[in-house]
Protein backbone atom coordinates (compact mmCIF):
# COMPACT_ATOMS: atom_id res chain seq x y z
CA ALA A 1 91.03 10.33 146.85
CA PRO A 2 94.71 11.03 146.34
CA VAL A 3 96.79 11.04 149.49
CA ARG A 4 100.09 12.56 150.36
CA GLY A 5 102.00 9.63 151.81
CA SER A 6 105.11 10.54 153.74
CA ARG A 7 108.26 9.11 155.20
CA PRO A 8 108.59 8.27 157.99
CA ARG A 9 105.38 9.72 159.48
CA SER A 10 102.21 11.62 158.50
CA GLY A 11 99.87 11.71 155.54
CA VAL A 12 97.00 13.94 154.53
CA THR A 13 94.20 13.62 152.00
CA ARG A 14 94.16 16.14 149.18
CA ALA A 15 91.66 16.48 146.35
CA ALA A 16 92.75 16.39 142.71
CA PRO A 17 90.27 17.55 140.05
CA LEU A 18 91.20 14.91 137.46
CA LEU A 19 90.98 11.99 139.87
CA SER A 20 87.77 13.34 141.39
CA SER A 21 86.24 13.54 137.92
CA LEU A 22 87.26 9.96 137.13
CA ALA A 23 85.91 8.76 140.46
CA LEU A 24 82.60 10.48 139.75
CA LEU A 25 82.48 8.93 136.28
CA SER A 26 83.31 5.58 137.82
CA GLY A 27 80.46 5.88 140.27
CA LEU A 28 78.05 6.80 137.53
CA ALA A 29 79.28 4.10 135.18
CA LEU A 30 79.03 1.42 137.82
CA SER A 31 75.41 2.17 138.66
CA GLY A 32 73.35 -0.91 137.94
CA CYS A 33 69.69 -1.13 136.93
CA GLY A 34 68.71 -4.59 138.07
CA GLY A 35 69.44 -8.12 136.90
CA ASP A 36 71.73 -10.81 138.22
CA GLU A 37 74.88 -9.01 137.07
CA GLU A 38 75.26 -5.27 137.26
CA PRO A 39 76.72 -3.55 134.21
CA ILE A 40 80.33 -2.41 134.60
CA GLY A 41 81.05 0.84 132.81
CA GLU A 42 84.07 1.54 130.63
CA LEU A 43 86.00 4.68 131.57
CA MET A 44 88.99 4.84 129.20
CA PRO A 45 91.75 2.69 127.71
CA ILE A 46 94.96 2.45 129.70
CA GLY A 47 97.88 3.71 127.63
CA GLU A 48 100.53 1.16 126.65
CA PHE A 49 103.49 0.98 129.05
CA SER A 50 106.43 -1.15 130.04
CA LEU A 51 108.29 -0.83 133.35
CA THR A 52 110.56 -3.14 135.37
CA ASP A 53 109.21 -5.72 137.80
CA GLN A 54 110.61 -6.96 141.11
CA SER A 55 112.78 -9.53 139.32
CA GLY A 56 114.34 -6.91 137.04
CA ALA A 57 112.38 -8.05 133.96
CA PRO A 58 110.35 -5.80 131.65
CA PHE A 59 106.65 -5.94 132.46
CA GLY A 60 103.64 -3.95 131.31
CA THR A 61 100.52 -3.92 129.21
CA SER A 62 101.84 -6.51 126.75
CA GLN A 63 102.16 -9.11 129.52
CA LEU A 64 98.76 -8.12 130.97
CA ARG A 65 96.81 -8.37 127.72
CA GLY A 66 94.03 -10.92 128.05
CA LYS A 67 94.02 -10.67 131.86
CA VAL A 68 91.84 -8.78 134.30
CA TRP A 69 94.10 -6.82 136.63
CA ILE A 70 93.86 -4.80 139.81
CA ALA A 71 96.43 -2.05 140.30
CA ASP A 72 97.50 0.40 142.97
CA MET A 73 100.14 3.11 143.42
CA ILE A 74 102.33 2.78 146.52
CA PHE A 75 105.80 3.41 147.88
CA THR A 76 107.58 1.14 150.30
CA SER A 77 108.54 3.71 152.93
CA CYS A 78 105.04 5.24 153.22
CA PRO A 79 103.68 4.38 156.69
CA ASP A 80 100.10 5.51 156.21
CA ILE A 81 97.83 4.59 153.30
CA CYS A 82 100.27 2.28 151.46
CA PRO A 83 100.35 -0.52 154.07
CA VAL A 84 96.54 -0.48 154.09
CA MET A 85 96.42 -0.71 150.30
CA SER A 86 99.04 -3.46 150.17
CA SER A 87 97.24 -5.45 152.87
CA GLN A 88 94.01 -5.20 150.92
CA MET A 89 95.76 -6.23 147.71
CA ALA A 90 97.13 -9.25 149.58
CA ASN A 91 93.61 -10.09 150.78
CA LEU A 92 92.28 -9.81 147.22
CA GLN A 93 95.11 -12.02 145.96
CA ARG A 94 94.08 -14.70 148.45
CA ARG A 95 90.35 -14.35 147.81
CA ILE A 96 90.38 -14.17 144.01
CA ASP A 97 92.00 -17.36 142.79
CA HIS A 98 90.80 -17.05 139.20
CA PRO A 99 93.70 -17.87 136.82
CA ASP A 100 93.02 -14.80 134.65
CA VAL A 101 93.21 -12.16 137.41
CA ARG A 102 96.50 -10.36 138.10
CA PHE A 103 97.68 -7.71 140.57
CA VAL A 104 100.03 -4.80 139.85
CA SER A 105 101.60 -2.32 142.29
CA ILE A 106 103.46 0.65 140.80
CA THR A 107 105.83 2.61 143.00
CA VAL A 108 105.58 6.40 143.04
CA ASP A 109 109.07 6.53 144.58
CA PRO A 110 111.29 4.85 141.95
CA GLU A 111 114.37 6.70 143.23
CA THR A 112 114.20 4.50 146.35
CA ASP A 113 112.13 1.51 145.28
CA THR A 114 114.48 -0.63 143.22
CA PRO A 115 113.42 -4.11 142.05
CA GLU A 116 115.20 -5.62 145.06
CA VAL A 117 113.40 -3.30 147.49
CA LEU A 118 110.06 -4.05 145.85
CA ARG A 119 110.67 -7.80 145.95
CA ALA A 120 111.34 -7.69 149.70
CA TYR A 121 108.27 -5.48 150.18
CA GLY A 122 106.10 -7.91 148.26
CA GLU A 123 107.36 -10.84 150.27
CA ARG A 124 106.28 -9.08 153.47
CA TYR A 125 102.73 -9.16 152.12
CA GLY A 126 102.85 -12.74 150.92
CA ALA A 127 102.86 -11.79 147.23
CA ASP A 128 102.72 -14.57 144.67
CA HIS A 129 105.14 -12.93 142.28
CA GLU A 130 103.69 -14.79 139.30
CA ARG A 131 100.32 -13.12 139.93
CA TRP A 132 101.31 -9.90 141.74
CA ARG A 133 103.96 -7.71 140.12
CA PHE A 134 105.67 -4.70 141.66
CA LEU A 135 106.84 -2.18 139.08
CA THR A 136 109.50 0.53 139.04
CA GLY A 137 111.68 2.22 136.44
CA ALA A 138 113.36 5.49 135.57
CA PRO A 139 111.65 8.25 137.58
CA ASP A 140 110.54 10.24 134.53
CA GLU A 141 109.12 7.11 132.89
CA VAL A 142 107.24 5.99 136.00
CA ARG A 143 105.66 9.42 136.36
CA ARG A 144 104.80 9.47 132.66
CA VAL A 145 103.05 6.10 132.98
CA ILE A 146 101.00 7.22 135.99
CA ALA A 147 100.12 10.61 134.51
CA PHE A 148 99.47 9.63 130.89
CA SER A 149 98.69 5.90 130.84
CA PHE A 150 96.46 6.02 133.93
CA ARG A 151 95.70 9.77 133.94
CA LEU A 152 96.14 9.91 137.68
CA PRO A 153 97.86 12.62 139.74
CA VAL A 154 101.54 12.23 140.53
CA GLU A 155 104.11 14.63 141.91
CA PRO A 156 107.84 14.41 142.63
CA ARG A 157 108.97 13.90 146.19
CA GLU A 158 108.48 17.01 148.28
CA GLU A 159 111.46 17.29 150.60
CA ARG A 160 110.99 18.72 154.07
CA ASP A 161 113.37 20.60 156.32
CA ASP A 162 113.42 17.66 158.76
CA GLY A 163 114.65 15.23 156.08
CA ARG A 164 111.28 13.58 155.48
CA TYR A 165 109.44 13.68 152.17
CA ASP A 166 105.88 13.48 150.89
CA ILE A 167 104.54 12.00 147.64
CA LEU A 168 101.06 12.64 146.29
CA HIS A 169 99.39 9.48 144.97
CA THR A 170 95.97 7.91 144.66
CA GLY A 171 94.59 5.88 147.55
CA GLN A 172 92.14 3.96 145.35
CA LEU A 173 92.43 0.55 143.71
CA ILE A 174 92.13 0.35 139.93
CA LEU A 175 90.34 -2.33 137.88
CA VAL A 176 91.36 -2.95 134.26
CA ASP A 177 89.82 -5.51 131.92
CA GLN A 178 91.29 -7.95 129.42
CA ARG A 179 91.37 -5.31 126.68
CA GLY A 180 93.25 -2.81 128.82
CA VAL A 181 90.20 -0.65 129.54
CA LEU A 182 89.85 1.05 132.93
CA ARG A 183 86.60 -0.19 134.47
CA GLY A 184 86.58 1.48 137.87
CA LEU A 185 88.32 3.17 140.81
CA TYR A 186 87.51 1.66 144.21
CA GLU A 187 87.91 2.75 147.81
CA THR A 188 89.66 0.42 150.26
CA ASP A 189 86.72 0.33 152.67
CA ARG A 190 84.54 -2.77 153.05
CA ASP A 191 81.95 -1.74 150.47
CA GLY A 192 84.54 -0.66 147.92
CA LEU A 193 86.53 -3.87 148.25
CA ALA A 194 83.42 -6.05 148.03
CA LEU A 195 82.38 -4.26 144.84
CA LEU A 196 85.88 -4.54 143.38
CA GLU A 197 86.05 -8.28 144.07
CA ARG A 198 82.63 -8.83 142.55
CA HIS A 199 83.48 -6.82 139.43
CA ALA A 200 86.87 -8.50 138.98
CA ARG A 201 85.26 -11.94 139.14
CA GLN A 202 82.49 -10.87 136.78
CA LEU A 203 84.95 -9.57 134.19
CA ALA A 204 87.18 -12.64 134.48
CA GLU A 205 84.23 -14.96 133.86
CA ASP A 206 82.91 -13.06 130.83
């Protein structure tokens, strides 16, 4: 479900019809019917995009073509769901050592999260920056990528009277195949992560 991450404290879950529909489709598409390998449904193609990675270089779907990749949406000052997601991405990076699997984190706070900020954030989580990219860009372009390439909810920062701000973003991990097709949305609980790891390995070995 999408969450409203905030700085420096608080975060609440909020439903979004589009994401809920995709999650439902994902659950239906991922239902297996026996056999050694469960079928992995295809939800939709990810729209082409190019943003800026933690080194300041262009990075997007062109560089990811031919790779299986796991993505999430985070921002570095979020104290609630984002550290959980980043920790789980770090665990997946360690566990999945297949050469054709990549990891991508896209900031929902590009006004704050410059390439330098994202590089330091990634280093805190032990990111192998050849395999795990952190992406930012012009605010309008980042929001366009999230809304139209991924078709996920995104909102501008919501400023508060006390100087804090909230940002609505998904709390799920995203699996995309070698052709740039979205294959599933996964929760960060034990079952969701186990399923994600299994599906990522299965796609990479196809």
